[in-house]
C-alpha cells in the first residue's frame, strides 16, 4: 500500500511549473510565455525579469492570446500560453479548436488554478467544464499532473516534443505523492494494487484516492489506485485491465462529470462484452459550485477520502 502522510507539507504546483519553465528557457531560446495580464497569477514574474523579450502579455484578450500562441508555434517557437483555466478554455474555445487542435499548431495551453481553486470567487472563476470541452477536440493532448514532480515532468515532456496540448497547473495545494511515477504520454500510473475495486483519480484527487484506499484497507477492502495524469490520448488498456481484474471502478475528478474522466471510463466499460462489464461510480460535479473555500466545496461534492471510500463500497455492492 502506497501511503499518504496527511501531515506532509502541501504545495502549489504553479511554482514548480514556473521554475521548470525558466530552467528550460535558459537552455532553449525557442521557449516563450504568452499570458493575458496574468503575470502574477501564472507565476511568471521571475520569468519576465529573466526573459523580458520572451514574455508576451496580450492583456485581457484570451482569444487573441491563443491566436498569438499559434502564430508563434507556426514560426518555430515553443509557446506556453498561460491563463486562469476558466478564461483560457471558456473564452478561447473557438481558437483552441481552430488555431491549435485543427491546425495542429504545437501550442502548450496552461490552465492555471483549475477546478474550484478560486473558491470564494464563485462559478465564474471555477474551471470545472474544461475537461468536457477539450476532450471533444481531436488532436489535443490533455495532461493533469498530480504533484510537483509530475508538473515538472509535463513541462519538460511538452517542451521536448511540442504538440497541441492542454495541461492543468494546480493552485490548490496538494502533497507530493509518495511514489510520483514518471509521466508517459497516454498512460495512467498505478500507484497501488488491489483486487476488489479500482479508483481512477486525476489531479488534486489522486492523493485523496490514496487516502481512501488506506481507509478501505482498514475495512479489509483492497483498492487499486490509478493516476489518470494523461487523459488524452486515453489509456484504454488500464481501464480494461481494471474491469478484468477488480470488481468495480470508481472515478473521481474535480470537474463536471458530463464528458469528463468518468464519462470516458464509463463509455469504455459499457462497450465491453456483457460478461466483462463492472459497475462504475462517477464522482465529480453535477452542477455549478456555490461560493466557498476550495476544501469546503470539495467536501460539498463528496470529493474527499471518506465519500470516496463509501462510493467504492457502493460500487462493489452492485457487482
C-alpha atoms as a PDB file:
ATOM      1  CA  UNK A   1       0.000   0.000   0.000  1.00  0.00           C
ATOM      2  CA  UNK A   2       1.305   3.426  -1.025  1.00  0.00           C
ATOM      3  CA  UNK A   3       0.552   5.631   1.977  1.00  0.00           C
ATOM      4  CA  UNK A   4      -0.069   9.364   2.035  1.00  0.00           C
ATOM      5  CA  UNK A   5       1.217  11.270   5.039  1.00  0.00           C
ATOM      6  CA  UNK A   6      -1.678  13.586   5.896  1.00  0.00           C
ATOM      7  CA  UNK A   7       0.717  15.767   7.918  1.00  0.00           C
ATOM      8  CA  UNK A   8       3.117  16.239   4.989  1.00  0.00           C
ATOM      9  CA  UNK A   9       3.594  19.730   3.514  1.00  0.00           C
ATOM     10  CA  UNK A  10       1.335  20.689   0.621  1.00  0.00           C
ATOM     11  CA  UNK A  11       2.415  22.655  -2.416  1.00  0.00           C
ATOM     12  CA  UNK A  12       1.142  24.980  -5.138  1.00  0.00           C
ATOM     13  CA  UNK A  13       2.101  23.334  -8.444  1.00  0.00           C
ATOM     14  CA  UNK A  14       2.315  26.697 -10.223  1.00  0.00           C
ATOM     15  CA  UNK A  15       5.659  27.305  -8.530  1.00  0.00           C
ATOM     16  CA  UNK A  16       7.109  24.035  -9.847  1.00  0.00           C
ATOM     17  CA  UNK A  17       5.722  24.915 -13.285  1.00  0.00           C
ATOM     18  CA  UNK A  18       7.409  28.328 -13.319  1.00  0.00           C
ATOM     19  CA  UNK A  19      10.735  27.001 -12.053  1.00  0.00           C
ATOM     20  CA  UNK A  20      10.869  24.274 -14.689  1.00  0.00           C
ATOM     21  CA  UNK A  21       9.816  26.653 -17.462  1.00  0.00           C
ATOM     22  CA  UNK A  22      12.625  29.068 -16.572  1.00  0.00           C
ATOM     23  CA  UNK A  23      15.190  26.261 -16.434  1.00  0.00           C
ATOM     24  CA  UNK A  24      14.185  25.131 -19.906  1.00  0.00           C
ATOM     25  CA  UNK A  25      14.036  28.674 -21.279  1.00  0.00           C
ATOM     26  CA  UNK A  26      17.603  29.287 -20.107  1.00  0.00           C
ATOM     27  CA  UNK A  27      18.751  26.457 -22.365  1.00  0.00           C
ATOM     28  CA  UNK A  28      16.329  26.880 -25.291  1.00  0.00           C
ATOM     29  CA  UNK A  29      15.645  30.276 -26.841  1.00  0.00           C
ATOM     30  CA  UNK A  30      12.577  28.917 -28.665  1.00  0.00           C
ATOM     31  CA  UNK A  31      10.605  28.790 -25.415  1.00  0.00           C
ATOM     32  CA  UNK A  32       8.297  31.761 -24.889  1.00  0.00           C
ATOM     33  CA  UNK A  33       5.454  32.524 -22.497  1.00  0.00           C
ATOM     34  CA  UNK A  34       2.212  34.204 -23.559  1.00  0.00           C
ATOM     35  CA  UNK A  35      -0.301  35.429 -20.984  1.00  0.00           C
ATOM     36  CA  UNK A  36      -3.466  37.509 -20.557  1.00  0.00           C
ATOM     37  CA  UNK A  37      -2.458  40.094 -17.984  1.00  0.00           C
ATOM     38  CA  UNK A  38      -1.876  37.168 -15.611  1.00  0.00           C
ATOM     39  CA  UNK A  39       1.853  37.517 -14.952  1.00  0.00           C
ATOM     40  CA  UNK A  40       1.318  37.238 -11.206  1.00  0.00           C
ATOM     41  CA  UNK A  41      -1.359  34.531 -11.105  1.00  0.00           C
ATOM     42  CA  UNK A  42       0.566  32.456 -13.658  1.00  0.00           C
ATOM     43  CA  UNK A  43       3.738  32.793 -11.531  1.00  0.00           C
ATOM     44  CA  UNK A  44       5.607  34.423 -14.414  1.00  0.00           C
ATOM     45  CA  UNK A  45       7.061  37.428 -12.565  1.00  0.00           C
ATOM     46  CA  UNK A  46      10.566  35.989 -12.397  1.00  0.00           C
ATOM     47  CA  UNK A  47      10.296  34.695 -15.971  1.00  0.00           C
ATOM     48  CA  UNK A  48       9.525  38.256 -17.084  1.00  0.00           C
ATOM     49  CA  UNK A  49      12.544  39.577 -15.204  1.00  0.00           C
ATOM     50  CA  UNK A  50      14.913  36.985 -16.647  1.00  0.00           C
ATOM     51  CA  UNK A  51      13.496  36.826 -20.179  1.00  0.00           C
ATOM     52  CA  UNK A  52      11.720  40.142 -20.798  1.00  0.00           C
ATOM     53  CA  UNK A  53      11.765  39.714 -24.577  1.00  0.00           C
ATOM     54  CA  UNK A  54      10.206  36.250 -24.327  1.00  0.00           C
ATOM     55  CA  UNK A  55       7.113  37.115 -22.305  1.00  0.00           C
ATOM     56  CA  UNK A  56       4.195  38.392 -24.384  1.00  0.00           C
ATOM     57  CA  UNK A  57       1.374  39.901 -22.349  1.00  0.00           C
ATOM     58  CA  UNK A  58      -1.634  40.468 -24.611  1.00  0.00           C
ATOM     59  CA  UNK A  59      -3.801  41.939 -21.853  1.00  0.00           C
ATOM     60  CA  UNK A  60      -7.304  40.708 -21.104  1.00  0.00           C
ATOM     61  CA  UNK A  61      -7.751  39.244 -24.588  1.00  0.00           C
ATOM     62  CA  UNK A  62      -7.735  35.473 -24.248  1.00  0.00           C
ATOM     63  CA  UNK A  63      -8.847  34.742 -27.836  1.00  0.00           C
ATOM     64  CA  UNK A  64      -6.016  36.921 -29.111  1.00  0.00           C
ATOM     65  CA  UNK A  65      -3.638  35.171 -26.727  1.00  0.00           C
ATOM     66  CA  UNK A  66      -4.308  31.714 -28.200  1.00  0.00           C
ATOM     67  CA  UNK A  67      -4.012  33.094 -31.735  1.00  0.00           C
ATOM     68  CA  UNK A  68      -0.675  34.714 -30.888  1.00  0.00           C
ATOM     69  CA  UNK A  69       0.492  31.397 -29.452  1.00  0.00           C
ATOM     70  CA  UNK A  70      -0.488  29.591 -32.649  1.00  0.00           C
ATOM     71  CA  UNK A  71       1.357  32.154 -34.736  1.00  0.00           C
ATOM     72  CA  UNK A  72       4.493  31.784 -32.649  1.00  0.00           C
ATOM     73  CA  UNK A  73       4.290  27.989 -32.920  1.00  0.00           C
ATOM     74  CA  UNK A  74       3.982  28.226 -36.695  1.00  0.00           C
ATOM     75  CA  UNK A  75       7.296  30.123 -36.743  1.00  0.00           C
ATOM     76  CA  UNK A  76       9.177  27.507 -34.742  1.00  0.00           C
ATOM     77  CA  UNK A  77       8.789  28.850 -31.210  1.00  0.00           C
ATOM     78  CA  UNK A  78       7.570  26.709 -28.298  1.00  0.00           C
ATOM     79  CA  UNK A  79       4.807  28.811 -26.732  1.00  0.00           C
ATOM     80  CA  UNK A  80       3.468  28.137 -23.244  1.00  0.00           C
ATOM     81  CA  UNK A  81       0.154  30.022 -23.227  1.00  0.00           C
ATOM     82  CA  UNK A  82      -0.765  30.744 -19.613  1.00  0.00           C
ATOM     83  CA  UNK A  83      -4.039  31.980 -18.159  1.00  0.00           C
ATOM     84  CA  UNK A  84      -6.602  31.198 -15.497  1.00  0.00           C
ATOM     85  CA  UNK A  85      -8.179  27.963 -16.689  1.00  0.00           C
ATOM     86  CA  UNK A  86     -11.820  29.184 -16.813  1.00  0.00           C
ATOM     87  CA  UNK A  87     -10.932  32.035 -19.151  1.00  0.00           C
ATOM     88  CA  UNK A  88      -8.379  30.157 -21.231  1.00  0.00           C
ATOM     89  CA  UNK A  89     -10.790  27.331 -22.019  1.00  0.00           C
ATOM     90  CA  UNK A  90     -14.138  29.126 -21.868  1.00  0.00           C
ATOM     91  CA  UNK A  91     -13.415  32.367 -23.674  1.00  0.00           C
ATOM     92  CA  UNK A  92     -10.953  30.910 -26.193  1.00  0.00           C
ATOM     93  CA  UNK A  93     -12.592  27.609 -27.084  1.00  0.00           C
ATOM     94  CA  UNK A  94     -13.043  28.519 -30.747  1.00  0.00           C
ATOM     95  CA  UNK A  95      -9.379  29.486 -31.080  1.00  0.00           C
ATOM     96  CA  UNK A  96      -8.268  26.325 -29.265  1.00  0.00           C
ATOM     97  CA  UNK A  97     -10.376  24.303 -31.693  1.00  0.00           C
ATOM     98  CA  UNK A  98      -9.411  26.067 -34.932  1.00  0.00           C
ATOM     99  CA  UNK A  99      -5.941  27.517 -34.327  1.00  0.00           C
ATOM    100  CA  UNK A 100      -4.483  24.760 -32.156  1.00  0.00           C
ATOM    101  CA  UNK A 101      -6.235  21.381 -32.405  1.00  0.00           C
ATOM    102  CA  UNK A 102      -7.488  21.515 -36.011  1.00  0.00           C
ATOM    103  CA  UNK A 103      -4.439  23.359 -37.351  1.00  0.00           C
ATOM    104  CA  UNK A 104      -2.110  21.156 -35.280  1.00  0.00           C
ATOM    105  CA  UNK A 105      -0.012  24.078 -34.102  1.00  0.00           C
ATOM    106  CA  UNK A 106       2.137  22.866 -31.183  1.00  0.00           C
ATOM    107  CA  UNK A 107       0.827  25.279 -28.562  1.00  0.00           C
ATOM    108  CA  UNK A 108       1.038  24.274 -24.886  1.00  0.00           C
ATOM    109  CA  UNK A 109      -2.049  25.669 -23.174  1.00  0.00           C
ATOM    110  CA  UNK A 110      -1.513  26.037 -19.433  1.00  0.00           C
ATOM    111  CA  UNK A 111      -4.728  26.304 -17.442  1.00  0.00           C
ATOM    112  CA  UNK A 112      -3.806  27.936 -14.144  1.00  0.00           C
ATOM    113  CA  UNK A 113      -5.836  27.448 -10.948  1.00  0.00           C
ATOM    114  CA  UNK A 114      -8.243  24.879 -12.432  1.00  0.00           C
ATOM    115  CA  UNK A 115     -11.178  23.153 -10.798  1.00  0.00           C
ATOM    116  CA  UNK A 116     -12.541  25.091  -7.826  1.00  0.00           C
ATOM    117  CA  UNK A 117      -9.201  26.597  -6.798  1.00  0.00           C
ATOM    118  CA  UNK A 118     -10.644  30.120  -6.858  1.00  0.00           C
ATOM    119  CA  UNK A 119     -13.165  29.066  -4.202  1.00  0.00           C
ATOM    120  CA  UNK A 120     -14.904  32.190  -2.936  1.00  0.00           C
ATOM    121  CA  UNK A 121     -14.853  33.895  -6.355  1.00  0.00           C
ATOM    122  CA  UNK A 122     -17.605  31.506  -7.375  1.00  0.00           C
ATOM    123  CA  UNK A 123     -18.790  29.768 -10.558  1.00  0.00           C
ATOM    124  CA  UNK A 124     -17.482  32.441 -12.941  1.00  0.00           C
ATOM    125  CA  UNK A 125     -13.951  31.591 -11.817  1.00  0.00           C
ATOM    126  CA  UNK A 126     -14.322  27.830 -11.373  1.00  0.00           C
ATOM    127  CA  UNK A 127     -12.930  25.755 -14.219  1.00  0.00           C
ATOM    128  CA  UNK A 128     -14.913  22.542 -13.994  1.00  0.00           C
ATOM    129  CA  UNK A 129     -16.073  22.248 -17.609  1.00  0.00           C
ATOM    130  CA  UNK A 130     -12.617  22.264 -19.198  1.00  0.00           C
ATOM    131  CA  UNK A 131     -12.161  18.501 -19.410  1.00  0.00           C
ATOM    132  CA  UNK A 132     -15.579  18.067 -21.024  1.00  0.00           C
ATOM    133  CA  UNK A 133     -14.977  20.779 -23.615  1.00  0.00           C
ATOM    134  CA  UNK A 134     -11.443  19.819 -24.509  1.00  0.00           C
ATOM    135  CA  UNK A 135     -11.876  16.040 -24.619  1.00  0.00           C
ATOM    136  CA  UNK A 136     -14.212  16.633 -27.557  1.00  0.00           C
ATOM    137  CA  UNK A 137     -11.378  18.104 -29.649  1.00  0.00           C
ATOM    138  CA  UNK A 138      -9.378  15.592 -31.714  1.00  0.00           C
ATOM    139  CA  UNK A 139      -5.623  16.018 -31.751  1.00  0.00           C
ATOM    140  CA  UNK A 140      -5.321  17.815 -28.395  1.00  0.00           C
ATOM    141  CA  UNK A 141      -3.378  16.161 -25.572  1.00  0.00           C
ATOM    142  CA  UNK A 142      -4.762  16.709 -22.055  1.00  0.00           C
ATOM    143  CA  UNK A 143      -2.360  16.421 -19.119  1.00  0.00           C
ATOM    144  CA  UNK A 144      -3.254  16.693 -15.428  1.00  0.00           C
ATOM    145  CA  UNK A 145      -0.192  16.454 -13.167  1.00  0.00           C
ATOM    146  CA  UNK A 146      -0.922  15.290  -9.630  1.00  0.00           C
ATOM    147  CA  UNK A 147       2.028  16.888  -7.807  1.00  0.00           C
ATOM    148  CA  UNK A 148       5.184  18.959  -8.247  1.00  0.00           C
ATOM    149  CA  UNK A 149       7.266  16.179  -9.783  1.00  0.00           C
ATOM    150  CA  UNK A 150       4.631  15.399 -12.392  1.00  0.00           C
ATOM    151  CA  UNK A 151       4.193  19.103 -13.136  1.00  0.00           C
ATOM    152  CA  UNK A 152       7.904  19.391 -13.883  1.00  0.00           C
ATOM    153  CA  UNK A 153       7.766  16.201 -15.970  1.00  0.00           C
ATOM    154  CA  UNK A 154       4.868  17.556 -18.008  1.00  0.00           C
ATOM    155  CA  UNK A 155       6.638  20.855 -18.768  1.00  0.00           C
ATOM    156  CA  UNK A 156       9.796  19.013 -19.837  1.00  0.00           C
ATOM    157  CA  UNK A 157       7.950  16.490 -21.999  1.00  0.00           C
ATOM    158  CA  UNK A 158       5.816  19.050 -23.780  1.00  0.00           C
ATOM    159  CA  UNK A 159       8.838  21.283 -24.435  1.00  0.00           C
ATOM    160  CA  UNK A 160      10.904  18.364 -25.747  1.00  0.00           C
ATOM    161  CA  UNK A 161       8.185  17.123 -28.114  1.00  0.00           C
ATOM    162  CA  UNK A 162       5.867  20.084 -28.713  1.00  0.00           C
ATOM    163  CA  UNK A 163       2.328  19.208 -29.733  1.00  0.00           C
ATOM    164  CA  UNK A 164      -1.127  20.738 -29.278  1.00  0.00           C
ATOM    165  CA  UNK A 165      -1.734  20.224 -25.571  1.00  0.00           C
ATOM    166  CA  UNK A 166      -3.631  21.466 -22.542  1.00  0.00           C
ATOM    167  CA  UNK A 167      -2.268  20.992 -19.047  1.00  0.00           C
ATOM    168  CA  UNK A 168      -3.889  21.875 -15.758  1.00  0.00           C
ATOM    169  CA  UNK A 169      -1.494  23.665 -13.395  1.00  0.00           C
ATOM    170  CA  UNK A 170      -2.977  23.382  -9.927  1.00  0.00           C
ATOM    171  CA  UNK A 171      -3.183  26.227  -7.433  1.00  0.00           C
ATOM    172  CA  UNK A 172      -4.934  24.274  -4.674  1.00  0.00           C
ATOM    173  CA  UNK A 173      -2.092  22.884  -2.585  1.00  0.00           C
ATOM    174  CA  UNK A 174      -1.517  19.139  -2.673  1.00  0.00           C
ATOM    175  CA  UNK A 175       1.104  16.834  -1.115  1.00  0.00           C
ATOM    176  CA  UNK A 176       3.848  15.235  -3.156  1.00  0.00           C
ATOM    177  CA  UNK A 177       2.900  11.671  -3.990  1.00  0.00           C
ATOM    178  CA  UNK A 178       4.935   9.024  -2.158  1.00  0.00           C
ATOM    179  CA  UNK A 179       5.880   7.478  -5.472  1.00  0.00           C
ATOM    180  CA  UNK A 180       5.313  10.004  -8.222  1.00  0.00           C
ATOM    181  CA  UNK A 181       5.781   7.809 -11.261  1.00  0.00           C
ATOM    182  CA  UNK A 182       7.312   9.405 -14.315  1.00  0.00           C
ATOM    183  CA  UNK A 183       4.764  10.595 -16.836  1.00  0.00           C
ATOM    184  CA  UNK A 184       4.205   8.631 -20.014  1.00  0.00           C
ATOM    185  CA  UNK A 185       2.069  10.006 -22.828  1.00  0.00           C
ATOM    186  CA  UNK A 186      -1.352   8.379 -22.898  1.00  0.00           C
ATOM    187  CA  UNK A 187      -0.707   6.204 -19.833  1.00  0.00           C
ATOM    188  CA  UNK A 188      -2.103   6.106 -16.307  1.00  0.00           C
ATOM    189  CA  UNK A 189       0.215   5.350 -13.382  1.00  0.00           C
ATOM    190  CA  UNK A 190      -0.755   2.547 -10.993  1.00  0.00           C
ATOM    191  CA  UNK A 191       0.103   3.814  -7.506  1.00  0.00           C
ATOM    192  CA  UNK A 192      -1.116   0.777  -5.581  1.00  0.00           C
ATOM    193  CA  UNK A 193      -2.773  -2.511  -6.430  1.00  0.00           C
ATOM    194  CA  UNK A 194      -5.862  -4.257  -5.178  1.00  0.00           C
ATOM    195  CA  UNK A 195      -8.296  -6.960  -6.254  1.00  0.00           C
ATOM    196  CA  UNK A 196     -11.599  -5.543  -5.018  1.00  0.00           C
ATOM    197  CA  UNK A 197     -12.061  -2.092  -6.576  1.00  0.00           C
ATOM    198  CA  UNK A 198     -10.194   0.359  -8.805  1.00  0.00           C
ATOM    199  CA  UNK A 199     -10.172   4.096  -8.097  1.00  0.00           C
ATOM    200  CA  UNK A 200      -9.258   6.205 -11.129  1.00  0.00           C
ATOM    201  CA  UNK A 201      -8.332   9.692  -9.954  1.00  0.00           C
ATOM    202  CA  UNK A 202      -6.987  12.800 -11.568  1.00  0.00           C
ATOM    203  CA  UNK A 203      -5.022  15.858 -10.449  1.00  0.00           C
ATOM    204  CA  UNK A 204      -5.912  17.088  -6.962  1.00  0.00           C
ATOM    205  CA  UNK A 205      -7.954  13.940  -6.368  1.00  0.00           C
ATOM    206  CA  UNK A 206      -5.051  11.494  -6.564  1.00  0.00           C
ATOM    207  CA  UNK A 207      -3.743  11.995  -3.004  1.00  0.00           C
ATOM    208  CA  UNK A 208      -7.335  11.765  -1.742  1.00  0.00           C
ATOM    209  CA  UNK A 209      -7.804   8.497  -3.636  1.00  0.00           C
ATOM    210  CA  UNK A 210      -4.743   7.083  -1.888  1.00  0.00           C
ATOM    211  CA  UNK A 211      -6.172   8.116   1.480  1.00  0.00           C
ATOM    212  CA  UNK A 212      -9.455   6.412   0.572  1.00  0.00           C
ATOM    213  CA  UNK A 213      -7.531   3.253  -0.344  1.00  0.00           C
ATOM    214  CA  UNK A 214      -5.929   3.290   3.120  1.00  0.00           C
ATOM    215  CA  UNK A 215      -9.345   3.610   4.763  1.00  0.00           C
ATOM    216  CA  UNK A 216     -10.712   0.747   2.647  1.00  0.00           C
ATOM    217  CA  UNK A 217      -7.736  -1.437   3.569  1.00  0.00           C
ATOM    218  CA  UNK A 218      -8.612  -0.962   7.243  1.00  0.00           C
ATOM    219  CA  UNK A 219     -12.006  -2.481   6.398  1.00  0.00           C
ATOM    220  CA  UNK A 220     -10.466  -5.396   4.517  1.00  0.00           C
ATOM    221  CA  UNK A 221     -11.040  -3.986   1.027  1.00  0.00           C
ATOM    222  CA  UNK A 222      -8.079  -3.794  -1.365  1.00  0.00           C
ATOM    223  CA  UNK A 223      -8.124  -0.936  -3.864  1.00  0.00           C
ATOM    224  CA  UNK A 224      -6.085  -0.307  -6.993  1.00  0.00           C
ATOM    225  CA  UNK A 225      -5.405   3.408  -7.494  1.00  0.00           C
ATOM    226  CA  UNK A 226      -4.735   4.744 -10.976  1.00  0.00           C
ATOM    227  CA  UNK A 227      -3.421   8.270 -11.517  1.00  0.00           C
ATOM    228  CA  UNK A 228      -5.035   9.382 -14.783  1.00  0.00           C
ATOM    229  CA  UNK A 229      -2.405  12.022 -15.422  1.00  0.00           C
ATOM    230  CA  UNK A 230      -2.697  11.952 -19.239  1.00  0.00           C
ATOM    231  CA  UNK A 231      -6.328  11.552 -20.280  1.00  0.00           C
ATOM    232  CA  UNK A 232      -5.938  12.350 -23.969  1.00  0.00           C
ATOM    233  CA  UNK A 233      -4.753  10.109 -25.504  1.00  0.00           C
ATOM    234  CA  UNK A 234      -6.744   7.866 -23.183  1.00  0.00           C
ATOM    235  CA  UNK A 235      -5.310   4.762 -21.501  1.00  0.00           C
ATOM    236  CA  UNK A 236      -7.991   2.268 -22.530  1.00  0.00           C
ATOM    237  CA  UNK A 237      -5.690  -0.627 -21.656  1.00  0.00           C
ATOM    238  CA  UNK A 238      -5.537   0.368 -17.980  1.00  0.00           C
ATOM    239  CA  UNK A 239      -9.334   0.618 -17.780  1.00  0.00           C
ATOM    240  CA  UNK A 240      -9.873  -2.746 -19.462  1.00  0.00           C
ATOM    241  CA  UNK A 241      -7.401  -4.302 -17.032  1.00  0.00           C
ATOM    242  CA  UNK A 242      -9.243  -2.723 -14.088  1.00  0.00           C
ATOM    243  CA  UNK A 243     -12.542  -4.156 -15.328  1.00  0.00           C
ATOM    244  CA  UNK A 244     -10.988  -7.602 -15.770  1.00  0.00           C
ATOM    245  CA  UNK A 245      -9.059  -7.714 -12.507  1.00  0.00           C
ATOM    246  CA  UNK A 246     -11.260  -5.856  -9.981  1.00  0.00           C
ATOM    247  CA  UNK A 247     -14.955  -5.993  -9.137  1.00  0.00           C
ATOM    248  CA  UNK A 248     -15.856  -2.341  -9.648  1.00  0.00           C
ATOM    249  CA  UNK A 249     -14.466   1.050 -10.729  1.00  0.00           C
ATOM    250  CA  UNK A 250     -14.800   4.478  -9.119  1.00  0.00           C
ATOM    251  CA  UNK A 251     -13.699   7.633 -10.940  1.00  0.00           C
ATOM    252  CA  UNK A 252     -13.090  10.946  -9.208  1.00  0.00           C
ATOM    253  CA  UNK A 253     -12.378  14.329 -10.794  1.00  0.00           C
ATOM    254  CA  UNK A 254     -12.529  17.973  -9.733  1.00  0.00           C
ATOM    255  CA  UNK A 255     -14.654  18.636 -12.789  1.00  0.00           C
ATOM    256  CA  UNK A 256     -18.137  18.268 -14.191  1.00  0.00           C
ATOM    257  CA  UNK A 257     -18.985  14.613 -14.753  1.00  0.00           C
ATOM    258  CA  UNK A 258     -20.587  15.264 -18.158  1.00  0.00           C
ATOM    259  CA  UNK A 259     -17.963  14.323 -20.720  1.00  0.00           C
ATOM    260  CA  UNK A 260     -15.002  14.176 -18.350  1.00  0.00           C
ATOM    261  CA  UNK A 261     -12.834  11.381 -16.969  1.00  0.00           C
ATOM    262  CA  UNK A 262     -15.737   9.362 -15.568  1.00  0.00           C
ATOM    263  CA  UNK A 263     -17.638   9.569 -18.849  1.00  0.00           C
ATOM    264  CA  UNK A 264     -14.582   8.296 -20.715  1.00  0.00           C
ATOM    265  CA  UNK A 265     -14.192   5.339 -18.345  1.00  0.00           C
ATOM    266  CA  UNK A 266     -17.911   4.516 -18.321  1.00  0.00           C
ATOM    267  CA  UNK A 267     -18.257   4.602 -22.102  1.00  0.00           C
ATOM    268  CA  UNK A 268     -15.330   2.213 -22.464  1.00  0.00           C
ATOM    269  CA  UNK A 269     -16.682  -0.198 -19.836  1.00  0.00           C
ATOM    270  CA  UNK A 270     -20.166  -0.055 -21.404  1.00  0.00           C
ATOM    271  CA  UNK A 271     -18.674  -1.186 -24.728  1.00  0.00           C
ATOM    272  CA  UNK A 272     -17.128  -4.334 -23.207  1.00  0.00           C
ATOM    273  CA  UNK A 273     -18.830  -7.693 -23.756  1.00  0.00           C
ATOM    274  CA  UNK A 274     -21.649  -8.280 -21.271  1.00  0.00           C
ATOM    275  CA  UNK A 275     -19.685 -10.683 -19.095  1.00  0.00           C
ATOM    276  CA  UNK A 276     -16.761  -8.271 -18.742  1.00  0.00           C
ATOM    277  CA  UNK A 277     -18.598  -5.160 -17.570  1.00  0.00           C
ATOM    278  CA  UNK A 278     -18.333  -3.958 -13.976  1.00  0.00           C
ATOM    279  CA  UNK A 279     -20.192  -1.241 -12.047  1.00  0.00           C
ATOM    280  CA  UNK A 280     -18.789   2.280 -12.444  1.00  0.00           C
ATOM    281  CA  UNK A 281     -19.363   5.047  -9.879  1.00  0.00           C
ATOM    282  CA  UNK A 282     -18.572   8.556 -11.142  1.00  0.00           C
ATOM    283  CA  UNK A 283     -17.679  11.258  -8.609  1.00  0.00           C
ATOM    284  CA  UNK A 284     -17.448  14.894  -9.608  1.00  0.00           C
ATOM    285  CA  UNK A 285     -19.658  17.931 -10.092  1.00  0.00           C
ATOM    286  CA  UNK A 286     -23.231  17.759 -11.367  1.00  0.00           C
ATOM    287  CA  UNK A 287     -23.983  21.466 -11.109  1.00  0.00           C
ATOM    288  CA  UNK A 288     -22.395  24.870 -10.706  1.00  0.00           C
ATOM    289  CA  UNK A 289     -20.488  25.077  -7.448  1.00  0.00           C
ATOM    290  CA  UNK A 290     -21.636  27.511  -4.767  1.00  0.00           C
ATOM    291  CA  UNK A 291     -19.264  30.037  -3.263  1.00  0.00           C
ATOM    292  CA  UNK A 292     -16.943  28.804  -0.532  1.00  0.00           C
ATOM    293  CA  UNK A 293     -13.422  27.706   0.264  1.00  0.00           C
ATOM    294  CA  UNK A 294     -11.945  25.095  -2.036  1.00  0.00           C
ATOM    295  CA  UNK A 295     -11.818  22.445   0.678  1.00  0.00           C
ATOM    296  CA  UNK A 296     -15.425  23.134   1.658  1.00  0.00           C
ATOM    297  CA  UNK A 297     -16.531  22.849  -1.969  1.00  0.00           C
ATOM    298  CA  UNK A 298     -14.681  19.572  -2.456  1.00  0.00           C
ATOM    299  CA  UNK A 299     -16.444  18.167   0.612  1.00  0.00           C
ATOM    300  CA  UNK A 300     -19.774  19.585  -0.598  1.00  0.00           C
ATOM    301  CA  UNK A 301     -19.484  17.487  -3.755  1.00  0.00           C
ATOM    302  CA  UNK A 302     -18.251  14.385  -1.966  1.00  0.00           C
ATOM    303  CA  UNK A 303     -14.703  14.702  -3.267  1.00  0.00           C
ATOM    304  CA  UNK A 304     -12.985  13.680  -0.039  1.00  0.00           C
ATOM    305  CA  UNK A 305     -11.473  10.388   1.119  1.00  0.00           C
ATOM    306  CA  UNK A 306     -14.494   9.450   3.238  1.00  0.00           C
ATOM    307  CA  UNK A 307     -17.014   9.798   0.412  1.00  0.00           C
ATOM    308  CA  UNK A 308     -14.596   8.115  -1.978  1.00  0.00           C
ATOM    309  CA  UNK A 309     -14.394   5.054   0.261  1.00  0.00           C
ATOM    310  CA  UNK A 310     -18.192   4.984   0.566  1.00  0.00           C
ATOM    311  CA  UNK A 311     -18.541   5.189  -3.226  1.00  0.00           C
ATOM    312  CA  UNK A 312     -16.132   2.275  -3.629  1.00  0.00           C
ATOM    313  CA  UNK A 313     -18.199   0.126  -1.284  1.00  0.00           C
ATOM    314  CA  UNK A 314     -21.397   1.133  -3.094  1.00  0.00           C
ATOM    315  CA  UNK A 315     -19.881   0.171  -6.449  1.00  0.00           C
ATOM    316  CA  UNK A 316     -18.762  -3.196  -5.072  1.00  0.00           C
ATOM    317  CA  UNK A 317     -22.262  -3.826  -3.703  1.00  0.00           C
ATOM    318  CA  UNK A 318     -23.596  -3.515  -7.255  1.00  0.00           C
ATOM    319  CA  UNK A 319     -21.119  -6.061  -8.632  1.00  0.00           C
END
